[in-house]
C-alpha atoms as a PDB file:
ATOM      1  CA  UNK A   1      -1.939  13.396  10.814  1.00  0.00           C
ATOM      2  CA  UNK A   2      -0.520  10.180  11.633  1.00  0.00           C
ATOM      3  CA  UNK A   3       0.505   8.475   8.765  1.00  0.00           C
ATOM      4  CA  UNK A   4       1.275   5.007  10.107  1.00  0.00           C
ATOM      5  CA  UNK A   5      -2.793   4.703   9.954  1.00  0.00           C
ATOM      6  CA  UNK A   6      -2.319   5.228   6.130  1.00  0.00           C
ATOM      7  CA  UNK A   7      -1.793   3.515   3.384  1.00  0.00           C
ATOM      8  CA  UNK A   8      -0.939   4.382  -0.399  1.00  0.00           C
ATOM      9  CA  UNK A   9      -3.421   3.476  -2.916  1.00  0.00           C
ATOM     10  CA  UNK A  10      -2.305   5.813  -6.125  1.00  0.00           C
ATOM     11  CA  UNK A  11      -4.632   6.143  -8.940  1.00  0.00           C
ATOM     12  CA  UNK A  12      -4.277   6.963 -12.534  1.00  0.00           C
ATOM     13  CA  UNK A  13      -6.022   9.722 -14.698  1.00  0.00           C
ATOM     14  CA  UNK A  14      -5.512   9.322 -17.988  1.00  0.00           C
ATOM     15  CA  UNK A  15      -2.244   7.198 -17.518  1.00  0.00           C
ATOM     16  CA  UNK A  16      -0.982   9.906 -14.984  1.00  0.00           C
ATOM     17  CA  UNK A  17      -0.010   8.641 -11.836  1.00  0.00           C
ATOM     18  CA  UNK A  18      -1.809  10.804  -8.841  1.00  0.00           C
ATOM     19  CA  UNK A  19      -0.008   9.940  -5.394  1.00  0.00           C
ATOM     20  CA  UNK A  20      -2.999   9.112  -3.206  1.00  0.00           C
ATOM     21  CA  UNK A  21      -3.422   7.714   0.248  1.00  0.00           C
ATOM     22  CA  UNK A  22      -6.246   6.582   2.443  1.00  0.00           C
ATOM     23  CA  UNK A  23      -6.651   7.652   6.051  1.00  0.00           C
ATOM     24  CA  UNK A  24      -7.825   4.981   7.708  1.00  0.00           C
ATOM     25  CA  UNK A  25      -9.372   7.184  10.630  1.00  0.00           C
ATOM     26  CA  UNK A  26     -10.965   9.799   9.265  1.00  0.00           C
ATOM     27  CA  UNK A  27     -12.139   7.219   6.159  1.00  0.00           C
ATOM     28  CA  UNK A  28     -10.946   9.538   3.415  1.00  0.00           C
ATOM     29  CA  UNK A  29      -8.589  10.352   0.495  1.00  0.00           C
ATOM     30  CA  UNK A  30      -6.024  12.768   0.629  1.00  0.00           C
ATOM     31  CA  UNK A  31      -4.160  13.807  -3.096  1.00  0.00           C
ATOM     32  CA  UNK A  32      -0.856  14.980  -3.655  1.00  0.00           C
ATOM     33  CA  UNK A  33      -1.197  18.839  -4.881  1.00  0.00           C
ATOM     34  CA  UNK A  34       1.342  18.893  -6.948  1.00  0.00           C
ATOM     35  CA  UNK A  35       0.219  15.840  -8.984  1.00  0.00           C
ATOM     36  CA  UNK A  36      -3.189  17.637  -9.348  1.00  0.00           C
ATOM     37  CA  UNK A  37      -1.111  20.745 -10.367  1.00  0.00           C
ATOM     38  CA  UNK A  38       0.993  19.066 -13.049  1.00  0.00           C
ATOM     39  CA  UNK A  39      -2.062  17.379 -14.616  1.00  0.00           C
ATOM     40  CA  UNK A  40      -3.929  20.616 -15.051  1.00  0.00           C
ATOM     41  CA  UNK A  41      -1.107  22.858 -16.023  1.00  0.00           C
ATOM     42  CA  UNK A  42       1.334  20.448 -17.892  1.00  0.00           C
ATOM     43  CA  UNK A  43       3.896  21.832 -16.137  1.00  0.00           C
ATOM     44  CA  UNK A  44       7.212  20.312 -16.095  1.00  0.00           C
ATOM     45  CA  UNK A  45       8.208  21.719 -12.748  1.00  0.00           C
ATOM     46  CA  UNK A  46       4.896  21.615 -11.267  1.00  0.00           C
ATOM     47  CA  UNK A  47       6.454  21.975  -7.465  1.00  0.00           C
ATOM     48  CA  UNK A  48       7.469  26.172  -8.520  1.00  0.00           C
ATOM     49  CA  UNK A  49       3.960  26.307 -10.029  1.00  0.00           C
ATOM     50  CA  UNK A  50       2.384  24.985  -6.608  1.00  0.00           C
ATOM     51  CA  UNK A  51       4.968  27.159  -4.318  1.00  0.00           C
ATOM     52  CA  UNK A  52       3.744  30.229  -5.920  1.00  0.00           C
ATOM     53  CA  UNK A  53       0.248  29.538  -6.169  1.00  0.00           C
ATOM     54  CA  UNK A  54       0.008  28.378  -2.389  1.00  0.00           C
ATOM     55  CA  UNK A  55       1.781  31.885  -1.607  1.00  0.00           C
ATOM     56  CA  UNK A  56      -0.639  33.719  -3.310  1.00  0.00           C
ATOM     57  CA  UNK A  57      -3.964  31.704  -1.356  1.00  0.00           C
ATOM     58  CA  UNK A  58      -1.976  31.799   1.691  1.00  0.00           C
ATOM     59  CA  UNK A  59      -2.096  35.780   1.328  1.00  0.00           C
ATOM     60  CA  UNK A  60      -5.925  35.878   0.601  1.00  0.00           C
ATOM     61  CA  UNK A  61      -6.615  33.947   3.504  1.00  0.00           C
ATOM     62  CA  UNK A  62      -7.466  30.633   1.452  1.00  0.00           C
ATOM     63  CA  UNK A  63      -8.634  27.925   4.351  1.00  0.00           C
ATOM     64  CA  UNK A  64      -7.458  25.039   1.910  1.00  0.00           C
ATOM     65  CA  UNK A  65      -3.738  26.119   2.189  1.00  0.00           C
ATOM     66  CA  UNK A  66      -3.768  26.024   6.078  1.00  0.00           C
ATOM     67  CA  UNK A  67      -5.485  22.649   6.330  1.00  0.00           C
ATOM     68  CA  UNK A  68      -2.867  21.192   4.160  1.00  0.00           C
ATOM     69  CA  UNK A  69      -1.214  18.554   5.028  1.00  0.00           C
ATOM     70  CA  UNK A  70       2.000  16.694   4.289  1.00  0.00           C
ATOM     71  CA  UNK A  71       3.170  13.317   4.037  1.00  0.00           C
ATOM     72  CA  UNK A  72       6.286  11.633   2.878  1.00  0.00           C
ATOM     73  CA  UNK A  73       5.223  10.025  -0.354  1.00  0.00           C
ATOM     74  CA  UNK A  74       7.587   8.577  -3.272  1.00  0.00           C
ATOM     75  CA  UNK A  75       8.769  10.564  -5.292  1.00  0.00           C
ATOM     76  CA  UNK A  76       9.760  10.209  -9.349  1.00  0.00           C
ATOM     77  CA  UNK A  77      13.100   9.053  -8.243  1.00  0.00           C
ATOM     78  CA  UNK A  78      12.191   6.625  -6.070  1.00  0.00           C
ATOM     79  CA  UNK A  79      12.782   8.064  -2.912  1.00  0.00           C
ATOM     80  CA  UNK A  80      10.204   9.472  -0.223  1.00  0.00           C
ATOM     81  CA  UNK A  81       9.847  13.508   0.149  1.00  0.00           C
ATOM     82  CA  UNK A  82       7.588  15.503   2.777  1.00  0.00           C
ATOM     83  CA  UNK A  83       4.700  16.515   0.038  1.00  0.00           C
ATOM     84  CA  UNK A  84       1.461  18.648   0.431  1.00  0.00           C
ATOM     85  CA  UNK A  85      -1.647  16.541  -0.068  1.00  0.00           C
ATOM     86  CA  UNK A  86      -5.609  17.690   1.065  1.00  0.00           C
ATOM     87  CA  UNK A  87      -9.012  16.025   1.004  1.00  0.00           C
ATOM     88  CA  UNK A  88     -10.816  15.393  -2.009  1.00  0.00           C
ATOM     89  CA  UNK A  89     -13.222  19.165  -0.906  1.00  0.00           C
ATOM     90  CA  UNK A  90      -9.736  21.253  -0.381  1.00  0.00           C
ATOM     91  CA  UNK A  91      -8.718  19.926  -3.722  1.00  0.00           C
ATOM     92  CA  UNK A  92     -12.009  21.408  -5.391  1.00  0.00           C
ATOM     93  CA  UNK A  93     -11.189  24.736  -4.137  1.00  0.00           C
ATOM     94  CA  UNK A  94      -7.127  24.568  -5.096  1.00  0.00           C
ATOM     95  CA  UNK A  95      -8.677  23.392  -8.535  1.00  0.00           C
ATOM     96  CA  UNK A  96     -10.703  26.696  -9.074  1.00  0.00           C
ATOM     97  CA  UNK A  97      -7.529  28.555  -8.699  1.00  0.00           C
ATOM     98  CA  UNK A  98      -5.961  27.046 -11.742  1.00  0.00           C
ATOM     99  CA  UNK A  99      -7.391  27.822 -15.278  1.00  0.00           C
ATOM    100  CA  UNK A 100      -7.007  24.400 -17.474  1.00  0.00           C
ATOM    101  CA  UNK A 101      -9.007  22.654 -19.821  1.00  0.00           C
ATOM    102  CA  UNK A 102      -8.630  19.184 -17.718  1.00  0.00           C
ATOM    103  CA  UNK A 103     -10.272  21.234 -14.885  1.00  0.00           C
ATOM    104  CA  UNK A 104     -13.889  19.707 -15.326  1.00  0.00           C
ATOM    105  CA  UNK A 105     -12.252  15.969 -15.836  1.00  0.00           C
ATOM    106  CA  UNK A 106     -10.116  16.653 -13.153  1.00  0.00           C
ATOM    107  CA  UNK A 107     -13.062  17.453 -10.884  1.00  0.00           C
ATOM    108  CA  UNK A 108     -15.373  14.406 -12.877  1.00  0.00           C
ATOM    109  CA  UNK A 109     -12.024  12.427 -11.506  1.00  0.00           C
ATOM    110  CA  UNK A 110     -12.354  13.359  -7.938  1.00  0.00           C
ATOM    111  CA  UNK A 111     -16.289  13.236  -7.913  1.00  0.00           C
ATOM    112  CA  UNK A 112     -15.924   9.311  -8.634  1.00  0.00           C
ATOM    113  CA  UNK A 113     -13.265   9.288  -6.255  1.00  0.00           C
ATOM    114  CA  UNK A 114     -14.910  10.151  -3.319  1.00  0.00           C
ATOM    115  CA  UNK A 115     -17.620   7.955  -3.992  1.00  0.00           C
ATOM    116  CA  UNK A 116     -15.760   5.067  -4.255  1.00  0.00           C
ATOM    117  CA  UNK A 117     -15.732   4.072  -1.000  1.00  0.00           C
ATOM    118  CA  UNK A 118     -19.398   4.839  -0.531  1.00  0.00           C
ATOM    119  CA  UNK A 119     -20.146   2.418  -3.106  1.00  0.00           C
ATOM    120  CA  UNK A 120     -17.678  -0.231  -1.440  1.00  0.00           C
ATOM    121  CA  UNK A 121     -19.724  -0.230   1.699  1.00  0.00           C
ATOM    122  CA  UNK A 122     -22.669  -1.574   0.077  1.00  0.00           C
ATOM    123  CA  UNK A 123     -20.528  -3.838  -2.807  1.00  0.00           C
ATOM    124  CA  UNK A 124     -17.248  -5.146  -0.763  1.00  0.00           C
ATOM    125  CA  UNK A 125     -16.460  -7.227  -4.012  1.00  0.00           C
ATOM    126  CA  UNK A 126     -15.994  -3.435  -5.627  1.00  0.00           C
ATOM    127  CA  UNK A 127     -12.576  -2.611  -3.198  1.00  0.00           C
ATOM    128  CA  UNK A 128     -11.285  -6.603  -4.214  1.00  0.00           C
ATOM    129  CA  UNK A 129     -11.468  -5.244  -8.055  1.00  0.00           C
ATOM    130  CA  UNK A 130     -10.229  -1.906  -7.237  1.00  0.00           C
ATOM    131  CA  UNK A 131      -7.216  -3.836  -5.802  1.00  0.00           C
ATOM    132  CA  UNK A 132      -7.106  -6.137  -8.953  1.00  0.00           C
ATOM    133  CA  UNK A 133      -7.001  -3.083 -10.842  1.00  0.00           C
ATOM    134  CA  UNK A 134      -4.534  -1.206  -9.302  1.00  0.00           C
ATOM    135  CA  UNK A 135      -1.924  -4.335  -9.416  1.00  0.00           C
ATOM    136  CA  UNK A 136      -2.472  -4.469 -13.463  1.00  0.00           C
ATOM    137  CA  UNK A 137      -2.183  -0.884 -13.667  1.00  0.00           C
ATOM    138  CA  UNK A 138       1.805  -1.436 -11.814  1.00  0.00           C
ATOM    139  CA  UNK A 139       2.552  -4.343 -14.167  1.00  0.00           C
ATOM    140  CA  UNK A 140       1.656  -7.950 -12.092  1.00  0.00           C
ATOM    141  CA  UNK A 141       0.531 -10.442 -14.214  1.00  0.00           C
ATOM    142  CA  UNK A 142      -3.103 -11.855 -13.994  1.00  0.00           C
ATOM    143  CA  UNK A 143      -1.824 -15.264 -12.384  1.00  0.00           C
ATOM    144  CA  UNK A 144       0.388 -13.189  -9.693  1.00  0.00           C
ATOM    145  CA  UNK A 145      -2.920 -11.151  -8.773  1.00  0.00           C
ATOM    146  CA  UNK A 146      -5.064 -13.962  -7.989  1.00  0.00           C
ATOM    147  CA  UNK A 147      -2.377 -15.473  -5.936  1.00  0.00           C
ATOM    148  CA  UNK A 148      -2.343 -11.960  -4.120  1.00  0.00           C
ATOM    149  CA  UNK A 149      -6.162 -11.546  -3.575  1.00  0.00           C
ATOM    150  CA  UNK A 150      -5.991 -15.181  -2.474  1.00  0.00           C
ATOM    151  CA  UNK A 151      -3.534 -14.223   0.167  1.00  0.00           C
ATOM    152  CA  UNK A 152      -5.387 -10.838   1.193  1.00  0.00           C
ATOM    153  CA  UNK A 153      -8.827 -13.016   2.319  1.00  0.00           C
ATOM    154  CA  UNK A 154      -6.390 -15.684   3.868  1.00  0.00           C
ATOM    155  CA  UNK A 155      -4.310 -13.091   5.864  1.00  0.00           C
ATOM    156  CA  UNK A 156      -8.303 -11.816   6.745  1.00  0.00           C
ATOM    157  CA  UNK A 157      -9.379 -15.258   7.972  1.00  0.00           C
ATOM    158  CA  UNK A 158      -6.378 -15.711  10.189  1.00  0.00           C
ATOM    159  CA  UNK A 159      -7.105 -12.447  11.906  1.00  0.00           C
ATOM    160  CA  UNK A 160     -10.285 -13.049  12.381  1.00  0.00           C
ATOM    161  CA  UNK A 161      -9.409 -15.935  14.309  1.00  0.00           C
ATOM    162  CA  UNK A 162      -6.647 -14.292  16.139  1.00  0.00           C
ATOM    163  CA  UNK A 163      -9.505 -11.851  17.376  1.00  0.00           C
ATOM    164  CA  UNK A 164     -12.023 -14.335  18.211  1.00  0.00           C
ATOM    165  CA  UNK A 165      -9.160 -16.123  20.586  1.00  0.00           C
ATOM    166  CA  UNK A 166      -8.446 -12.640  22.369  1.00  0.00           C
ATOM    167  CA  UNK A 167      -6.161 -10.708  20.107  1.00  0.00           C
ATOM    168  CA  UNK A 168      -7.469  -7.528  18.882  1.00  0.00           C
ATOM    169  CA  UNK A 169      -4.707  -5.010  18.017  1.00  0.00           C
ATOM    170  CA  UNK A 170      -2.714  -4.121  15.077  1.00  0.00           C
ATOM    171  CA  UNK A 171       0.268  -3.529  17.337  1.00  0.00           C
ATOM    172  CA  UNK A 172      -0.701  -7.809  18.890  1.00  0.00           C
ATOM    173  CA  UNK A 173      -1.028  -8.970  15.457  1.00  0.00           C
ATOM    174  CA  UNK A 174       2.353  -7.739  13.928  1.00  0.00           C
ATOM    175  CA  UNK A 175       3.831  -9.394  17.177  1.00  0.00           C
ATOM    176  CA  UNK A 176       2.448 -13.114  15.856  1.00  0.00           C
ATOM    177  CA  UNK A 177       3.439 -11.947  12.349  1.00  0.00           C
ATOM    178  CA  UNK A 178       7.009 -11.686  13.061  1.00  0.00           C
ATOM    179  CA  UNK A 179       6.878 -14.907  15.138  1.00  0.00           C
ATOM    180  CA  UNK A 180       5.523 -16.650  12.294  1.00  0.00           C
ATOM    181  CA  UNK A 181       8.297 -15.028  10.005  1.00  0.00           C
ATOM    182  CA  UNK A 182      10.618 -15.061  12.178  1.00  0.00           C
ATOM    183  CA  UNK A 183      10.219 -19.046  12.392  1.00  0.00           C
ATOM    184  CA  UNK A 184      10.528 -19.806   8.664  1.00  0.00           C
ATOM    185  CA  UNK A 185      12.672 -17.350   7.374  1.00  0.00           C
ATOM    186  CA  UNK A 186      14.914 -16.295  10.547  1.00  0.00           C
ATOM    187  CA  UNK A 187      13.852 -12.368  10.021  1.00  0.00           C
ATOM    188  CA  UNK A 188      10.715 -10.329  11.187  1.00  0.00           C
ATOM    189  CA  UNK A 189       8.561  -8.672   8.670  1.00  0.00           C
ATOM    190  CA  UNK A 190      10.386  -5.335   8.836  1.00  0.00           C
ATOM    191  CA  UNK A 191      14.264  -7.401   8.901  1.00  0.00           C
ATOM    192  CA  UNK A 192      12.936  -9.018   5.981  1.00  0.00           C
ATOM    193  CA  UNK A 193      11.617  -5.697   3.898  1.00  0.00           C
ATOM    194  CA  UNK A 194      14.903  -3.610   4.783  1.00  0.00           C
ATOM    195  CA  UNK A 195      16.799  -7.522   3.312  1.00  0.00           C
ATOM    196  CA  UNK A 196      14.879  -6.324   0.158  1.00  0.00           C
ATOM    197  CA  UNK A 197      16.053  -2.849   0.071  1.00  0.00           C
ATOM    198  CA  UNK A 198      11.905  -1.629   0.617  1.00  0.00           C
ATOM    199  CA  UNK A 199      10.906   0.938   2.572  1.00  0.00           C
ATOM    200  CA  UNK A 200       6.959   1.673   2.490  1.00  0.00           C
ATOM    201  CA  UNK A 201       6.200  -0.940   0.012  1.00  0.00           C
ATOM    202  CA  UNK A 202       4.676  -4.152   1.102  1.00  0.00           C
ATOM    203  CA  UNK A 203       6.683  -7.141   1.565  1.00  0.00           C
ATOM    204  CA  UNK A 204       4.315  -9.723  -0.307  1.00  0.00           C
ATOM    205  CA  UNK A 205       4.079  -7.670  -3.433  1.00  0.00           C
ATOM    206  CA  UNK A 206       7.711  -7.718  -3.568  1.00  0.00           C
ATOM    207  CA  UNK A 207       8.194 -11.991  -2.558  1.00  0.00           C
ATOM    208  CA  UNK A 208       9.154 -14.972  -5.003  1.00  0.00           C
ATOM    209  CA  UNK A 209       6.865 -17.402  -5.814  1.00  0.00           C
ATOM    210  CA  UNK A 210       7.930 -19.785  -3.224  1.00  0.00           C
ATOM    211  CA  UNK A 211       8.329 -16.849  -0.646  1.00  0.00           C
ATOM    212  CA  UNK A 212       5.045 -16.167  -0.852  1.00  0.00           C
ATOM    213  CA  UNK A 213       4.444 -19.959  -0.646  1.00  0.00           C
ATOM    214  CA  UNK A 214       5.766 -20.233   2.675  1.00  0.00           C
ATOM    215  CA  UNK A 215       4.521 -17.157   4.041  1.00  0.00           C
ATOM    216  CA  UNK A 216       1.168 -18.765   3.209  1.00  0.00           C
ATOM    217  CA  UNK A 217       2.080 -21.790   4.569  1.00  0.00           C
ATOM    218  CA  UNK A 218       3.113 -20.254   7.711  1.00  0.00           C
ATOM    219  CA  UNK A 219      -0.049 -18.281   8.357  1.00  0.00           C
ATOM    220  CA  UNK A 220      -2.270 -20.892   7.018  1.00  0.00           C
ATOM    221  CA  UNK A 221      -0.747 -23.550   9.383  1.00  0.00           C
ATOM    222  CA  UNK A 222      -1.308 -21.085  12.547  1.00  0.00           C
ATOM    223  CA  UNK A 223      -5.084 -20.121  11.731  1.00  0.00           C
ATOM    224  CA  UNK A 224      -6.213 -23.911  11.419  1.00  0.00           C
ATOM    225  CA  UNK A 225      -3.787 -24.627  14.642  1.00  0.00           C
ATOM    226  CA  UNK A 226      -5.370 -21.646  16.462  1.00  0.00           C
ATOM    227  CA  UNK A 227      -8.937 -22.808  15.662  1.00  0.00           C
ATOM    228  CA  UNK A 228      -8.218 -26.005  16.722  1.00  0.00           C
ATOM    229  CA  UNK A 229      -6.438 -25.415  19.953  1.00  0.00           C
ATOM    230  CA  UNK A 230      -8.328 -22.464  20.732  1.00  0.00           C
ATOM    231  CA  UNK A 231      -5.480 -20.545  22.435  1.00  0.00           C
ATOM    232  CA  UNK A 232      -6.094 -17.392  24.628  1.00  0.00           C
ATOM    233  CA  UNK A 233      -4.651 -14.133  24.519  1.00  0.00           C
ATOM    234  CA  UNK A 234      -1.461 -12.989  22.937  1.00  0.00           C
ATOM    235  CA  UNK A 235       1.163 -15.554  24.919  1.00  0.00           C
ATOM    236  CA  UNK A 236      -0.683 -18.480  24.363  1.00  0.00           C
ATOM    237  CA  UNK A 237      -1.041 -17.400  20.446  1.00  0.00           C
ATOM    238  CA  UNK A 238       2.410 -16.787  20.136  1.00  0.00           C
ATOM    239  CA  UNK A 239       3.398 -20.254  21.029  1.00  0.00           C
ATOM    240  CA  UNK A 240       0.681 -21.408  18.228  1.00  0.00           C
ATOM    241  CA  UNK A 241       2.566 -18.868  15.687  1.00  0.00           C
ATOM    242  CA  UNK A 242       5.778 -19.943  15.867  1.00  0.00           C
ATOM    243  CA  UNK A 243       4.132 -23.779  15.586  1.00  0.00           C
ATOM    244  CA  UNK A 244       2.914 -22.650  12.121  1.00  0.00           C
ATOM    245  CA  UNK A 245       5.955 -20.635  11.288  1.00  0.00           C
ATOM    246  CA  UNK A 246       7.914 -23.849  12.023  1.00  0.00           C
ATOM    247  CA  UNK A 247       5.978 -25.905   9.561  1.00  0.00           C
ATOM    248  CA  UNK A 248       6.597 -23.677   6.720  1.00  0.00           C
ATOM    249  CA  UNK A 249      10.593 -23.705   8.000  1.00  0.00           C
ATOM    250  CA  UNK A 250      10.395 -27.169   7.556  1.00  0.00           C
ATOM    251  CA  UNK A 251       8.966 -26.962   4.302  1.00  0.00           C
ATOM    252  CA  UNK A 252      11.245 -24.089   2.925  1.00  0.00           C
ATOM    253  CA  UNK A 253      14.444 -26.664   4.446  1.00  0.00           C
ATOM    254  CA  UNK A 254      13.070 -29.715   2.163  1.00  0.00           C
ATOM    255  CA  UNK A 255      12.645 -27.129  -1.074  1.00  0.00           C
ATOM    256  CA  UNK A 256      16.164 -26.058  -0.573  1.00  0.00           C
ATOM    257  CA  UNK A 257      17.577 -29.435  -0.364  1.00  0.00           C
ATOM    258  CA  UNK A 258      15.970 -30.463  -3.492  1.00  0.00           C
ATOM    259  CA  UNK A 259      17.373 -27.306  -5.156  1.00  0.00           C
ATOM    260  CA  UNK A 260      20.568 -26.962  -3.700  1.00  0.00           C
ATOM    261  CA  UNK A 261      19.555 -23.290  -3.367  1.00  0.00           C
ATOM    262  CA  UNK A 262      18.518 -20.766  -0.826  1.00  0.00           C
ATOM    263  CA  UNK A 263      15.231 -19.191  -1.712  1.00  0.00           C
ATOM    264  CA  UNK A 264      14.984 -16.262   0.656  1.00  0.00           C
ATOM    265  CA  UNK A 265      15.816 -13.937  -2.200  1.00  0.00           C
ATOM    266  CA  UNK A 266      16.615 -10.097  -1.868  1.00  0.00           C
ATOM    267  CA  UNK A 267      15.327  -9.747  -5.627  1.00  0.00           C
ATOM    268  CA  UNK A 268      12.368  -7.737  -5.705  1.00  0.00           C
ATOM    269  CA  UNK A 269       9.917  -5.452  -7.995  1.00  0.00           C
ATOM    270  CA  UNK A 270      11.179  -2.214  -7.469  1.00  0.00           C
ATOM    271  CA  UNK A 271      13.262  -2.480 -10.536  1.00  0.00           C
ATOM    272  CA  UNK A 272      10.353  -2.501 -12.543  1.00  0.00           C
ATOM    273  CA  UNK A 273       8.388   0.408 -10.707  1.00  0.00           C
ATOM    274  CA  UNK A 274      11.316   2.713 -10.752  1.00  0.00           C
ATOM    275  CA  UNK A 275      11.781   1.919 -14.515  1.00  0.00           C
ATOM    276  CA  UNK A 276       7.953   2.235 -15.009  1.00  0.00           C
ATOM    277  CA  UNK A 277       8.239   5.560 -13.238  1.00  0.00           C
ATOM    278  CA  UNK A 278      11.483   7.395 -15.167  1.00  0.00           C
ATOM    279  CA  UNK A 279       9.637   6.338 -18.047  1.00  0.00           C
ATOM    280  CA  UNK A 280       5.982   8.362 -17.048  1.00  0.00           C
ATOM    281  CA  UNK A 281       8.696  11.676 -16.007  1.00  0.00           C
ATOM    282  CA  UNK A 282       9.870  11.387 -19.589  1.00  0.00           C
ATOM    283  CA  UNK A 283       6.381  10.988 -21.418  1.00  0.00           C
ATOM    284  CA  UNK A 284       5.755  13.945 -19.200  1.00  0.00           C
ATOM    285  CA  UNK A 285       8.210  16.187 -19.762  1.00  0.00           C
ATOM    286  CA  UNK A 286       8.827  15.538 -23.627  1.00  0.00           C
END
């Protein structure tokens, strides 16, 4: 499985985090087996339970185990480890092998999860509501969520302009984004994430209000310049991206001059997330 073409969309079941990823190519969800096992069994060591069950199913020739994949997912301690995942259909089969009073509620939850993307095809606004619900579950306040959703919309508008101007691959989008970021922050997006101590987490989700503002100024300016001058191809669009980033850079200098301090910060939201994860872990073990 190509993890680069997936993104984490963790879900909640009765306040329990079920690590879930969305495969952009296959357009389906993959769910952490040990998380479902934990909910079904109430075990404080679901990894051991799954290891024993997996061997038994494998010995029985169960195809679900054969089709089981491993992805690097964030564990309770914040570290990324290879974790067995299966699609929704495979999860139903595994549930049948585990006696549990939670089996039917989990099946209903999985069925709803499977229909979610189909519903969004007919009503795209549901995708935005799902994003809002996810951010709320992570503890972000309403003002931050509103700004974040607007940022997502603005980013979509930018990539649409790039596409009209002959740039249509994710790699090229990344190159242009790096040009914008490098101009105002002095770092590529990857370097910025490393600076903040991030791994797979979203950079925007871990920016301060001023950092988000600068990122927005750079991208929105780039979009408007690209619409006006209509550069074509990667090379010409890179010049425009750098110009957009330069506008954000000048804004940053003005802000820092007035504040008397650097607005590029190593701070992120991981501390909150890890504390929250630890509390969840303690509650499941008590």
